[in-house]
C-alpha atoms as a PDB file:
ATOM      1  CA  MET A   1      86.855 143.901  81.187  1.00  0.00           C
ATOM      2  CA  PHE A   2      88.518 140.995  82.930  1.00  0.00           C
ATOM      3  CA  SER A   3      87.244 137.485  83.146  1.00  0.00           C
ATOM      4  CA  PHE A   4      88.349 135.290  85.990  1.00  0.00           C
ATOM      5  CA  LYS A   5      88.875 131.737  84.897  1.00  0.00           C
ATOM      6  CA  LYS A   6      89.136 129.540  87.925  1.00  0.00           C
ATOM      7  CA  ARG A   7      90.781 126.162  87.719  1.00  0.00           C
ATOM      8  CA  TYR A   8      90.084 123.411  90.182  1.00  0.00           C
ATOM      9  CA  TYR A   9      92.750 120.867  91.110  1.00  0.00           C
ATOM     10  CA  PHE A  10      91.784 117.523  92.595  1.00  0.00           C
ATOM     11  CA  ILE A  11      94.537 115.407  94.124  1.00  0.00           C
ATOM     12  CA  ILE A  12      93.293 111.840  94.366  1.00  0.00           C
ATOM     13  CA  GLU A  13      94.833 108.677  95.799  1.00  0.00           C
ATOM     14  CA  SER A  14      92.620 106.287  93.854  1.00  0.00           C
ATOM     15  CA  ILE A  15      90.474 106.563  90.748  1.00  0.00           C
ATOM     16  CA  LYS A  16      87.510 105.542  92.894  1.00  0.00           C
ATOM     17  CA  ASP A  17      87.797 108.807  94.833  1.00  0.00           C
ATOM     18  CA  ILE A  18      86.074 110.874  92.154  1.00  0.00           C
ATOM     19  CA  ASP A  19      83.018 110.393  89.961  1.00  0.00           C
ATOM     20  CA  LEU A  20      83.581 111.911  86.519  1.00  0.00           C
ATOM     21  CA  LYS A  21      79.858 111.872  85.748  1.00  0.00           C
ATOM     22  CA  LYS A  22      79.296 114.699  88.227  1.00  0.00           C
ATOM     23  CA  ILE A  23      81.741 117.063  86.520  1.00  0.00           C
ATOM     24  CA  LYS A  24      79.793 119.200  84.068  1.00  0.00           C
ATOM     25  CA  LYS A  25      82.126 122.080  83.136  1.00  0.00           C
ATOM     26  CA  ARG A  26      84.811 121.416  80.591  1.00  0.00           C
ATOM     27  CA  LYS A  27      88.412 122.612  80.724  1.00  0.00           C
ATOM     28  CA  LYS A  28      88.113 123.870  84.311  1.00  0.00           C
ATOM     29  CA  PHE A  29      89.238 120.783  86.200  1.00  0.00           C
ATOM     30  CA  THR A  30      92.578 119.099  86.640  1.00  0.00           C
ATOM     31  CA  ILE A  31      92.979 115.708  88.289  1.00  0.00           C
ATOM     32  CA  ILE A  32      96.321 114.843  89.873  1.00  0.00           C
ATOM     33  CA  TYR A  33      96.727 111.127  90.520  1.00  0.00           C
ATOM     34  CA  ARG A  34      99.046 110.474  93.456  1.00  0.00           C
ATOM     35  CA  ASN A  35      99.951 106.803  93.245  1.00  0.00           C
ATOM     36  CA  GLN A  36     101.627 106.098  96.554  1.00  0.00           C
ATOM     37  CA  ASN A  37     100.423 102.527  97.031  1.00  0.00           C
ATOM     38  CA  ASP A  38     100.351 100.914  93.578  1.00  0.00           C
ATOM     39  CA  THR A  39      96.994  99.170  94.009  1.00  0.00           C
ATOM     40  CA  GLU A  40      95.478 100.431  90.756  1.00  0.00           C
ATOM     41  CA  ASN A  41      95.382  98.235  87.712  1.00  0.00           C
ATOM     42  CA  ARG A  42      97.053  99.817  84.684  1.00  0.00           C
ATOM     43  CA  ALA A  43      94.086  98.930  82.455  1.00  0.00           C
ATOM     44  CA  ASP A  44      91.717 100.722  84.849  1.00  0.00           C
ATOM     45  CA  LEU A  45      93.999 103.742  84.832  1.00  0.00           C
ATOM     46  CA  LEU A  46      94.000 103.802  81.021  1.00  0.00           C
ATOM     47  CA  LEU A  47      90.204 103.654  80.977  1.00  0.00           C
ATOM     48  CA  PHE A  48      90.017 106.480  83.536  1.00  0.00           C
ATOM     49  CA  ARG A  49      92.467 108.516  81.445  1.00  0.00           C
ATOM     50  CA  LYS A  50      90.286 108.063  78.344  1.00  0.00           C
ATOM     51  CA  LYS A  51      87.206 109.217  80.258  1.00  0.00           C
ATOM     52  CA  CYS A  52      89.092 112.306  81.405  1.00  0.00           C
ATOM     53  CA  LYS A  53      90.127 113.042  77.845  1.00  0.00           C
ATOM     54  CA  MET A  54      86.531 112.707  76.611  1.00  0.00           C
ATOM     55  CA  LYS A  55      85.356 115.206  79.252  1.00  0.00           C
ATOM     56  CA  SER A  56      88.272 117.613  78.578  1.00  0.00           C
ATOM     57  CA  ILE A  57      89.707 117.135  82.058  1.00  0.00           C
ATOM     58  CA  GLU A  58      93.464 117.378  82.383  1.00  0.00           C
ATOM     59  CA  PHE A  59      95.095 114.341  83.998  1.00  0.00           C
ATOM     60  CA  TYR A  60      98.473 114.493  85.722  1.00  0.00           C
ATOM     61  CA  VAL A  61     100.498 111.800  87.476  1.00  0.00           C
ATOM     62  CA  ALA A  62     102.412 112.726  90.626  1.00  0.00           C
ATOM     63  CA  ASN A  63     106.162 111.995  90.817  1.00  0.00           C
ATOM     64  CA  ASN A  64     106.150 109.012  88.449  1.00  0.00           C
ATOM     65  CA  LEU A  65     107.533 109.735  85.001  1.00  0.00           C
ATOM     66  CA  ASN A  66     107.233 106.179  83.683  1.00  0.00           C
ATOM     67  CA  LEU A  67     103.551 105.929  84.606  1.00  0.00           C
ATOM     68  CA  ALA A  68     102.849 109.351  83.089  1.00  0.00           C
ATOM     69  CA  ILE A  69     104.458 108.305  79.816  1.00  0.00           C
ATOM     70  CA  SER A  70     102.659 104.948  79.686  1.00  0.00           C
ATOM     71  CA  LEU A  71      99.259 106.546  80.412  1.00  0.00           C
ATOM     72  CA  ASN A  72      99.909 109.369  77.929  1.00  0.00           C
ATOM     73  CA  SER A  73      98.910 111.868  80.597  1.00  0.00           C
ATOM     74  CA  ASP A  74      98.822 115.618  80.083  1.00  0.00           C
ATOM     75  CA  GLY A  75     101.793 116.095  82.346  1.00  0.00           C
ATOM     76  CA  VAL A  76     103.556 115.445  85.605  1.00  0.00           C
ATOM     77  CA  TYR A  77     102.974 116.904  89.063  1.00  0.00           C
ATOM     78  CA  LEU A  78     106.131 117.396  91.124  1.00  0.00           C
ATOM     79  CA  SER A  79     105.465 117.631  94.831  1.00  0.00           C
ATOM     80  CA  SER A  80     107.417 119.964  97.052  1.00  0.00           C
ATOM     81  CA  TYR A  81     109.728 117.244  98.358  1.00  0.00           C
ATOM     82  CA  ASN A  82     110.789 116.275  94.809  1.00  0.00           C
ATOM     83  CA  LYS A  83     114.037 118.145  94.234  1.00  0.00           C
ATOM     84  CA  SER A  84     115.447 116.193  91.279  1.00  0.00           C
ATOM     85  CA  PHE A  85     115.935 117.740  87.866  1.00  0.00           C
ATOM     86  CA  SER A  86     115.075 114.608  85.879  1.00  0.00           C
ATOM     87  CA  ALA A  87     111.802 116.233  84.827  1.00  0.00           C
ATOM     88  CA  LEU A  88     113.740 118.456  82.433  1.00  0.00           C
ATOM     89  CA  SER A  89     113.957 115.499  80.056  1.00  0.00           C
ATOM     90  CA  LEU A  90     110.165 115.704  79.623  1.00  0.00           C
ATOM     91  CA  LYS A  91     110.424 118.531  77.118  1.00  0.00           C
ATOM     92  CA  LYS A  92     110.826 115.985  74.323  1.00  0.00           C
ATOM     93  CA  PHE A  93     107.484 114.388  75.350  1.00  0.00           C
ATOM     94  CA  ASN A  94     105.742 117.806  75.369  1.00  0.00           C
ATOM     95  CA  PHE A  95     104.511 117.282  78.926  1.00  0.00           C
ATOM     96  CA  LYS A  96     103.273 120.075  81.123  1.00  0.00           C
ATOM     97  CA  ILE A  97     104.882 120.210  84.529  1.00  0.00           C
ATOM     98  CA  ILE A  98     103.012 121.346  87.636  1.00  0.00           C
ATOM     99  CA  GLY A  99     104.812 121.787  90.928  1.00  0.00           C
ATOM    100  CA  SER A 100     103.968 122.628  94.490  1.00  0.00           C
ATOM    101  CA  ALA A 101     106.058 124.774  96.804  1.00  0.00           C
ATOM    102  CA  HIS A 102     105.845 126.175 100.310  1.00  0.00           C
ATOM    103  CA  SER A 103     108.685 128.712 100.431  1.00  0.00           C
ATOM    104  CA  ASN A 104     110.612 131.049  98.157  1.00  0.00           C
ATOM    105  CA  LYS A 105     113.486 128.584  97.914  1.00  0.00           C
ATOM    106  CA  GLU A 106     111.123 125.818  96.761  1.00  0.00           C
ATOM    107  CA  ILE A 107     109.474 128.184  94.271  1.00  0.00           C
ATOM    108  CA  TYR A 108     112.881 128.902  92.747  1.00  0.00           C
ATOM    109  CA  THR A 109     113.600 125.159  92.586  1.00  0.00           C
ATOM    110  CA  LYS A 110     110.278 124.546  90.788  1.00  0.00           C
ATOM    111  CA  ILE A 111     111.080 127.285  88.273  1.00  0.00           C
ATOM    112  CA  MET A 112     114.457 125.627  87.640  1.00  0.00           C
ATOM    113  CA  GLN A 113     112.675 122.272  87.179  1.00  0.00           C
ATOM    114  CA  GLY A 114     110.595 123.829  84.398  1.00  0.00           C
ATOM    115  CA  CYS A 115     107.181 123.950  86.089  1.00  0.00           C
ATOM    116  CA  ARG A 116     104.585 125.970  84.182  1.00  0.00           C
ATOM    117  CA  ILE A 117     102.191 126.184  87.141  1.00  0.00           C
ATOM    118  CA  ILE A 118     103.228 126.307  90.789  1.00  0.00           C
ATOM    119  CA  LEU A 119     100.612 125.570  93.447  1.00  0.00           C
END
């Protein structure tokens, strides 16, 4: 017998985009914070991260290693245009790495970057 465990990935631009009170299932959701216009306060991000941890929701930061380390996030999300191999230094922080790819060449690059999950 097989059980299908679906995971849901939410890519948000701001922490105001999602209401954590409406998420009922644990360990099925992953939130990827894409911080393109640094308008969020770091204290608000830390509070949001703690709420995610209390609800067993994984929290990833997109393309910003320093922010991911300071927020103690679950890992880093590398978008398809990120081709650098600096994420390999994250193994000492025990971060999970998620990547996105659109072609076979990009999939190979994400494997070389050490991504565990490729979207």
